[in-house]
Amino acid sequence: MAVASGVHSPLSLRAHASLAPSHPSSLSPSSTSLWKAFRRPNQVSMAAQAASPPPRSVVANCASSFPHTGPLSDSSNMRSQAAKTTPFSMITEEPAVPKQPYKWQRVLLKVSGEALAGDHKENIDPKITMAIAREVASVTRLGVEVAIVVGGGNIFRGSSWAGCSGLDRSSADYIGMLATVMNAIFLQATMESIGIPTRVQTAFRMSEVAEPYIRRRAVRHLEKGRVVIFAAGTGNPFFTTDTAAALRCAEINAEVVLKATNVDGVYSDDPRSNSDAHLLDTVSYQEVISRDLSVMDMTAITLCQENNIPVVVFNLAKPNNISKAILGERVGTLIGGSRNPSNVV
């Protein structure tokens, strides 16, 4: 029976095997090199070990085993100035430079809507927002964490419009909350135009324009050096943005509420009707409540008192007042605290 070319029967394979030499030494020199491919793997590894030189001893001190013989490159010079090298060539960072002992490390700045209006020619004065942005930038670069609560009185004040054209107080307050979002977005754009990373968080969801308020996320933004602007008040009607400032300050563990207004601070009486009224340097929470000083609403003052949060009231229109207040310098009126020059830079 004929067998196709290239196909062998078992008998023919055994016949070829019987004709094969029993050891590669019986092959010709030219065929000996081909026999190496048919050796077992363990034979190949044993032969390789026999042919390879003995291993060298392992050097323990990596730094001394590779001495430097040439001049350092520019990148090496830079690394040598910024880091230290251990005996095992591990690069370690220089110890962090301690922060300056400013009076406050995390502050909450409350900016009223009327202060943003400036001379009231427009709802928002771009010069005012730029001045705020530049002063906040100067202190954030020093490591101070800044959060901001903005009002909306320059656009719409709910308490003033309640009852007009059938508008109830709750609806009017919600419109006022939307006004604070407008101010917050404007202020955010101004800050980011000069390189300040800024996030806006609203008390109710407006995902297309801002983040929802999440306390842990807000704190994380501050720790990363970003400015956080809280808008829409507390998200509830019948509560002012002053109360929102006190609430957010307590939630994010800020150390002080800085209230920027159109006046120099808290006066003993209304200076417009009493020429003998004088500016108070410090005042207690109880004095503000008992004397009915028009600084913040009673809910906000009570919340600050219960959480031991000092309040600084100062004039936004005066240059450098924001940075002075943030750094703890003597400016405006301090409510619920005492001046301590030793802690002021």
Protein backbone atom coordinates (compact mmCIF):
# COMPACT_ATOMS: atom_id res chain seq x y z
CA MET A 1 0.00 0.00 0.00
CA ALA A 2 1.47 3.33 -1.01
CA VAL A 3 2.13 5.94 1.67
CA ALA A 4 1.69 9.63 0.92
CA SER A 5 4.79 11.79 0.85
CA GLY A 6 5.64 13.26 4.27
CA VAL A 7 3.45 10.72 6.16
CA HIS A 8 5.16 7.79 7.85
CA SER A 9 3.66 4.66 9.31
CA PRO A 10 4.60 3.47 12.83
CA LEU A 11 6.77 0.73 11.30
CA SER A 12 8.75 3.21 9.24
CA LEU A 13 9.28 5.46 12.31
CA ARG A 14 10.67 2.53 14.31
CA ALA A 15 12.93 1.67 11.41
CA HIS A 16 14.33 5.19 11.30
CA ALA A 17 14.84 5.17 15.08
CA SER A 18 16.86 1.93 14.88
CA LEU A 19 19.17 3.50 12.31
CA ALA A 20 19.84 6.63 14.45
CA PRO A 21 23.17 6.69 16.34
CA SER A 22 23.03 6.00 20.08
CA HIS A 23 25.34 8.92 21.08
CA PRO A 24 26.15 12.28 19.51
CA SER A 25 29.88 11.41 19.46
CA SER A 26 29.25 8.93 16.67
CA LEU A 27 27.97 11.75 14.45
CA SER A 28 30.09 13.81 12.13
CA PRO A 29 31.42 17.17 13.36
CA SER A 30 28.89 19.03 11.23
CA SER A 31 25.97 17.12 12.68
CA THR A 32 27.19 17.34 16.30
CA SER A 33 26.07 20.96 16.62
CA LEU A 34 22.59 19.96 15.54
CA TRP A 35 22.39 17.31 18.26
CA LYS A 36 22.51 20.00 20.99
CA ALA A 37 18.98 21.01 20.15
CA PHE A 38 17.76 17.53 21.09
CA ARG A 39 19.36 17.45 24.53
CA ARG A 40 17.21 17.48 27.63
CA PRO A 41 16.65 20.83 29.40
CA ASN A 42 18.46 19.69 32.55
CA GLN A 43 21.49 18.77 30.47
CA VAL A 44 21.51 22.24 28.89
CA SER A 45 21.29 24.03 32.27
CA MET A 46 24.07 21.88 33.76
CA ALA A 47 26.29 22.62 30.80
CA ALA A 48 25.60 26.35 31.06
CA GLN A 49 26.47 26.37 34.76
CA ALA A 50 29.72 24.55 34.09
CA ALA A 51 30.68 27.04 31.38
CA SER A 52 29.70 30.24 33.26
CA PRO A 53 32.22 31.99 35.56
CA PRO A 54 31.66 31.91 39.34
CA PRO A 55 29.36 34.68 40.67
CA ARG A 56 30.95 37.80 42.05
CA SER A 57 30.43 38.82 45.66
CA VAL A 58 27.57 41.22 46.31
CA VAL A 59 28.62 44.74 47.29
CA ALA A 60 26.79 45.89 50.42
CA ASN A 61 27.50 49.61 50.29
CA CYS A 62 25.90 50.85 47.08
CA ALA A 63 27.15 54.39 47.49
CA SER A 64 30.81 53.39 47.87
CA SER A 65 30.75 50.74 45.12
CA PHE A 66 29.98 53.32 42.43
CA PRO A 67 32.19 56.33 43.16
CA HIS A 68 31.48 59.49 41.19
CA THR A 69 34.34 60.37 38.87
CA GLY A 70 32.97 63.17 36.73
CA PRO A 71 31.28 66.54 37.26
CA LEU A 72 27.64 66.50 38.30
CA SER A 73 25.04 67.40 35.71
CA ASP A 74 22.69 70.34 36.18
CA SER A 75 19.81 68.09 37.23
CA SER A 76 22.04 66.36 39.79
CA ASN A 77 23.04 69.72 41.23
CA MET A 78 19.39 70.68 41.59
CA ARG A 79 18.52 67.44 43.33
CA SER A 80 21.48 67.75 45.67
CA GLN A 81 20.27 71.15 46.79
CA ALA A 82 16.67 70.02 47.36
CA ALA A 83 17.27 66.63 48.94
CA LYS A 84 19.73 64.67 51.05
CA THR A 85 21.29 61.35 50.06
CA THR A 86 21.55 58.45 52.49
CA PRO A 87 24.43 55.86 52.36
CA PHE A 88 22.16 53.66 50.23
CA SER A 89 21.41 56.45 47.70
CA MET A 90 17.82 56.94 48.89
CA ILE A 91 16.59 60.51 48.28
CA THR A 92 14.80 62.08 51.22
CA GLU A 93 12.94 65.38 51.19
CA GLU A 94 14.12 68.37 53.15
CA PRO A 95 12.14 68.99 56.34
CA ALA A 96 9.09 71.17 55.74
CA VAL A 97 9.44 74.83 56.60
CA PRO A 98 7.13 75.60 59.55
CA LYS A 99 4.26 77.97 58.85
CA GLN A 100 4.31 81.47 60.23
CA PRO A 101 2.45 81.77 63.55
CA TYR A 102 -0.47 83.78 62.21
CA LYS A 103 -3.33 84.29 64.60
CA TRP A 104 -5.71 82.24 62.44
CA GLN A 105 -4.93 79.44 60.00
CA ARG A 106 -8.47 78.89 58.65
CA VAL A 107 -10.91 81.77 58.37
CA LEU A 108 -14.37 82.39 56.98
CA LEU A 109 -14.88 85.69 55.18
CA LYS A 110 -18.46 86.99 55.04
CA VAL A 111 -18.98 89.49 52.22
CA SER A 112 -22.33 91.25 52.14
CA GLY A 113 -24.11 91.89 48.88
CA GLU A 114 -24.21 95.64 49.52
CA ALA A 115 -20.42 95.67 49.84
CA LEU A 116 -20.08 94.02 46.42
CA ALA A 117 -22.21 96.75 44.84
CA GLY A 118 -19.67 99.47 45.67
CA ASP A 119 -21.05 102.84 44.56
CA HIS A 120 -24.36 101.15 43.57
CA LYS A 121 -24.07 102.09 39.90
CA GLU A 122 -24.25 98.39 39.08
CA ASN A 123 -25.35 95.33 41.00
CA ILE A 124 -21.73 94.14 41.20
CA ASP A 125 -18.70 96.39 41.02
CA PRO A 126 -15.83 94.56 39.23
CA LYS A 127 -13.31 96.74 41.05
CA ILE A 128 -14.59 95.49 44.40
CA THR A 129 -14.46 91.83 43.38
CA MET A 130 -10.94 92.27 41.99
CA ALA A 131 -9.79 93.95 45.20
CA ILE A 132 -11.22 91.06 47.22
CA ALA A 133 -9.55 88.51 44.94
CA ARG A 134 -6.12 90.14 45.18
CA GLU A 135 -6.18 90.43 48.95
CA VAL A 136 -7.39 86.86 49.38
CA ALA A 137 -4.65 85.72 47.00
CA SER A 138 -2.00 87.46 49.09
CA VAL A 139 -2.95 85.51 52.22
CA THR A 140 -3.65 82.13 50.62
CA ARG A 141 -0.08 82.16 49.30
CA LEU A 142 1.05 82.44 52.93
CA GLY A 143 -0.74 79.20 53.78
CA VAL A 144 -3.91 80.64 55.35
CA GLU A 145 -7.05 78.73 54.35
CA VAL A 146 -9.93 80.99 53.29
CA ALA A 147 -13.62 80.19 52.86
CA ILE A 148 -16.14 82.83 51.77
CA VAL A 149 -19.87 83.29 52.28
CA VAL A 150 -21.49 85.88 50.01
CA GLY A 151 -24.76 87.71 50.47
CA GLY A 152 -27.24 88.68 47.79
CA GLY A 153 -28.69 91.99 48.97
CA ASN A 154 -27.18 93.86 46.03
CA ILE A 155 -29.47 91.92 43.67
CA PHE A 156 -32.47 90.78 45.70
CA ARG A 157 -33.32 90.83 49.39
CA GLY A 158 -36.09 88.42 50.29
CA SER A 159 -37.21 90.15 53.49
CA SER A 160 -37.77 93.41 51.58
CA TRP A 161 -39.81 91.85 48.79
CA ALA A 162 -41.97 89.54 50.89
CA GLY A 163 -45.64 90.48 50.54
CA CYS A 164 -45.20 92.29 47.23
CA SER A 165 -47.39 91.03 44.37
CA GLY A 166 -48.45 88.04 46.44
CA LEU A 167 -44.84 86.89 46.98
CA ASP A 168 -44.63 84.93 50.22
CA ARG A 169 -41.55 85.07 52.46
CA SER A 170 -40.31 81.58 51.61
CA SER A 171 -40.39 82.21 47.86
CA ALA A 172 -38.74 85.59 48.33
CA ASP A 173 -35.94 84.02 50.38
CA TYR A 174 -35.34 81.38 47.71
CA ILE A 175 -34.97 84.13 45.11
CA GLY A 176 -32.47 85.79 47.42
CA MET A 177 -30.52 82.51 47.62
CA LEU A 178 -30.28 82.47 43.83
CA ALA A 179 -28.89 86.00 44.01
CA THR A 180 -26.06 84.78 46.26
CA VAL A 181 -25.21 82.11 43.68
CA MET A 182 -24.87 84.82 41.03
CA ASN A 183 -22.47 86.76 43.26
CA ALA A 184 -20.50 83.60 44.06
CA ILE A 185 -20.00 82.67 40.40
CA PHE A 186 -18.92 86.23 39.58
CA LEU A 187 -16.42 86.23 42.46
CA GLN A 188 -15.13 82.78 41.49
CA ALA A 189 -14.47 83.92 37.92
CA THR A 190 -12.60 86.98 39.19
CA MET A 191 -10.41 84.91 41.52
CA GLU A 192 -9.56 82.30 38.92
CA SER A 193 -8.62 85.04 36.46
CA ILE A 194 -5.64 85.87 38.69
CA GLY A 195 -4.71 82.25 39.35
CA ILE A 196 -6.57 81.41 42.58
CA PRO A 197 -8.12 77.91 42.44
CA THR A 198 -11.70 78.41 43.64
CA ARG A 199 -14.72 76.18 44.17
CA VAL A 200 -18.35 77.24 44.62
CA GLN A 201 -20.59 75.06 46.78
CA THR A 202 -24.32 75.67 47.03
CA ALA A 203 -26.70 74.69 49.80
CA PHE A 204 -29.04 73.08 47.25
CA ARG A 205 -28.09 71.25 44.09
CA MET A 206 -27.16 73.26 41.01
CA SER A 207 -24.81 70.69 39.50
CA GLU A 208 -24.39 72.49 36.18
CA VAL A 209 -22.80 75.57 37.75
CA ALA A 210 -21.48 74.56 41.18
CA GLU A 211 -20.77 71.71 43.56
CA PRO A 212 -23.31 70.72 46.19
CA TYR A 213 -22.24 71.54 49.72
CA ILE A 214 -20.43 68.56 51.25
CA ARG A 215 -18.55 69.36 54.42
CA ARG A 216 -15.70 66.87 53.96
CA ARG A 217 -15.18 67.95 50.36
CA ALA A 218 -15.10 71.61 51.40
CA VAL A 219 -12.48 70.89 54.06
CA ARG A 220 -10.42 68.92 51.55
CA HIS A 221 -10.51 71.84 49.11
CA LEU A 222 -9.22 74.14 51.85
CA GLU A 223 -6.44 71.73 52.77
CA LYS A 224 -5.32 71.73 49.13
CA GLY A 225 -5.04 75.52 49.15
CA ARG A 226 -8.25 76.26 47.27
CA VAL A 227 -10.70 79.01 48.17
CA VAL A 228 -14.24 77.75 48.78
CA ILE A 229 -17.23 80.06 48.25
CA PHE A 230 -20.44 78.99 49.98
CA ALA A 231 -23.60 80.19 48.23
CA ALA A 232 -27.38 79.90 48.67
CA GLY A 233 -27.18 80.59 52.40
CA THR A 234 -28.24 77.63 54.52
CA GLY A 235 -30.66 76.42 51.85
CA ASN A 236 -33.62 77.26 54.09
CA PRO A 237 -35.87 80.34 54.12
CA PHE A 238 -36.04 82.65 57.15
CA PHE A 239 -32.27 82.34 57.73
CA THR A 240 -29.87 85.09 56.75
CA THR A 241 -26.47 84.71 55.14
CA ASP A 242 -24.95 85.87 58.44
CA THR A 243 -26.41 82.74 60.03
CA ALA A 244 -25.05 80.73 57.09
CA ALA A 245 -21.60 82.20 57.76
CA ALA A 246 -21.72 81.21 61.43
CA LEU A 247 -23.01 77.75 60.54
CA ARG A 248 -20.39 77.04 57.86
CA CYS A 249 -17.66 78.39 60.12
CA ALA A 250 -18.62 75.91 62.83
CA GLU A 251 -18.93 73.04 60.34
CA ILE A 252 -15.53 73.43 58.68
CA ASN A 253 -13.80 74.24 62.00
CA ALA A 254 -12.77 77.73 60.95
CA GLU A 255 -11.38 79.89 63.72
CA VAL A 256 -13.10 83.21 63.05
CA VAL A 257 -15.86 84.92 61.06
CA LEU A 258 -14.62 88.03 59.25
CA LYS A 259 -17.60 90.20 58.36
CA ALA A 260 -16.78 92.69 55.58
CA THR A 261 -19.28 95.56 55.48
CA ASN A 262 -19.57 99.21 54.48
CA VAL A 263 -18.81 100.49 58.01
CA ASP A 264 -15.58 100.59 60.00
CA GLY A 265 -16.88 98.28 62.73
CA VAL A 266 -19.34 98.28 65.62
CA TYR A 267 -20.23 101.67 67.08
CA SER A 268 -21.61 102.44 70.52
CA ASP A 269 -24.62 104.00 68.79
CA ASP A 270 -25.79 104.88 65.32
CA PRO A 271 -23.22 107.44 64.11
CA ARG A 272 -25.72 108.89 61.64
CA SER A 273 -28.03 110.03 64.45
CA ASN A 274 -25.59 110.38 67.35
CA SER A 275 -22.43 112.40 66.82
CA ASP A 276 -20.99 111.11 70.12
CA ALA A 277 -21.00 107.50 68.91
CA HIS A 278 -17.54 105.98 68.88
CA LEU A 279 -16.01 102.87 67.35
CA LEU A 280 -15.67 99.93 69.74
CA ASP A 281 -12.42 97.98 69.71
CA THR A 282 -13.83 94.86 71.38
CA VAL A 283 -17.32 93.87 72.49
CA SER A 284 -18.78 90.72 74.01
CA TYR A 285 -21.56 88.59 72.56
CA GLN A 286 -23.82 89.52 75.44
CA GLU A 287 -23.33 93.24 74.84
CA VAL A 288 -24.31 92.84 71.20
CA ILE A 289 -27.49 91.03 72.24
CA SER A 290 -28.44 93.22 75.21
CA ARG A 291 -27.73 96.53 73.46
CA ASP A 292 -29.29 95.31 70.21
CA LEU A 293 -26.28 96.38 68.17
CA SER A 294 -27.06 95.95 64.48
CA VAL A 295 -24.06 93.81 63.59
CA MET A 296 -25.49 90.39 62.80
CA ASP A 297 -28.89 88.88 63.43
CA MET A 298 -29.46 87.30 66.82
CA THR A 299 -29.43 83.75 65.44
CA ALA A 300 -25.96 84.23 64.00
CA ILE A 301 -24.58 85.89 67.14
CA THR A 302 -26.03 83.17 69.36
CA LEU A 303 -24.55 80.45 67.15
CA CYS A 304 -21.13 82.10 67.34
CA GLN A 305 -21.43 82.45 71.11
CA GLU A 306 -22.39 78.80 71.60
CA ASN A 307 -19.44 77.62 69.50
CA ASN A 308 -16.97 80.22 70.82
CA ILE A 309 -16.39 81.73 67.36
CA PRO A 310 -15.02 85.30 67.39
CA VAL A 311 -16.34 87.79 64.83
CA VAL A 312 -14.38 90.67 63.29
CA VAL A 313 -16.42 93.46 61.69
CA PHE A 314 -14.44 95.75 59.37
CA ASN A 315 -14.78 98.06 56.38
CA LEU A 316 -14.33 96.36 53.02
CA ALA A 317 -13.73 99.64 51.18
CA LYS A 318 -10.43 100.42 52.92
CA PRO A 319 -7.38 98.99 51.13
CA ASN A 320 -5.66 95.96 52.68
CA ASN A 321 -8.35 95.58 55.35
CA ILE A 322 -9.18 92.05 54.20
CA SER A 323 -5.59 90.82 54.41
CA LYS A 324 -5.10 92.59 57.75
CA ALA A 325 -8.23 90.97 59.18
CA ILE A 326 -7.30 87.52 57.85
CA LEU A 327 -3.80 87.76 59.31
CA GLY A 328 -5.22 88.80 62.68
CA GLU A 329 -4.05 92.39 62.70
CA ARG A 330 -5.93 95.07 64.61
CA VAL A 331 -8.74 96.20 62.35
CA GLY A 332 -12.43 96.97 62.91
CA THR A 333 -14.22 95.55 65.96
CA LEU A 334 -13.61 92.16 67.54
CA ILE A 335 -16.70 90.45 68.98
CA GLY A 336 -16.34 87.67 71.52
CA GLY A 337 -12.57 87.71 71.83
CA SER A 338 -9.60 89.66 73.10
CA ARG A 339 -6.78 91.38 71.29
CA ASN A 340 -3.50 89.55 71.77
CA PRO A 341 -0.64 91.38 70.06
CA SER A 342 1.78 88.52 70.73
CA ASN A 343 -0.15 86.31 68.31
CA VAL A 344 -0.41 88.94 65.61
CA VAL A 345 2.11 89.14 62.79
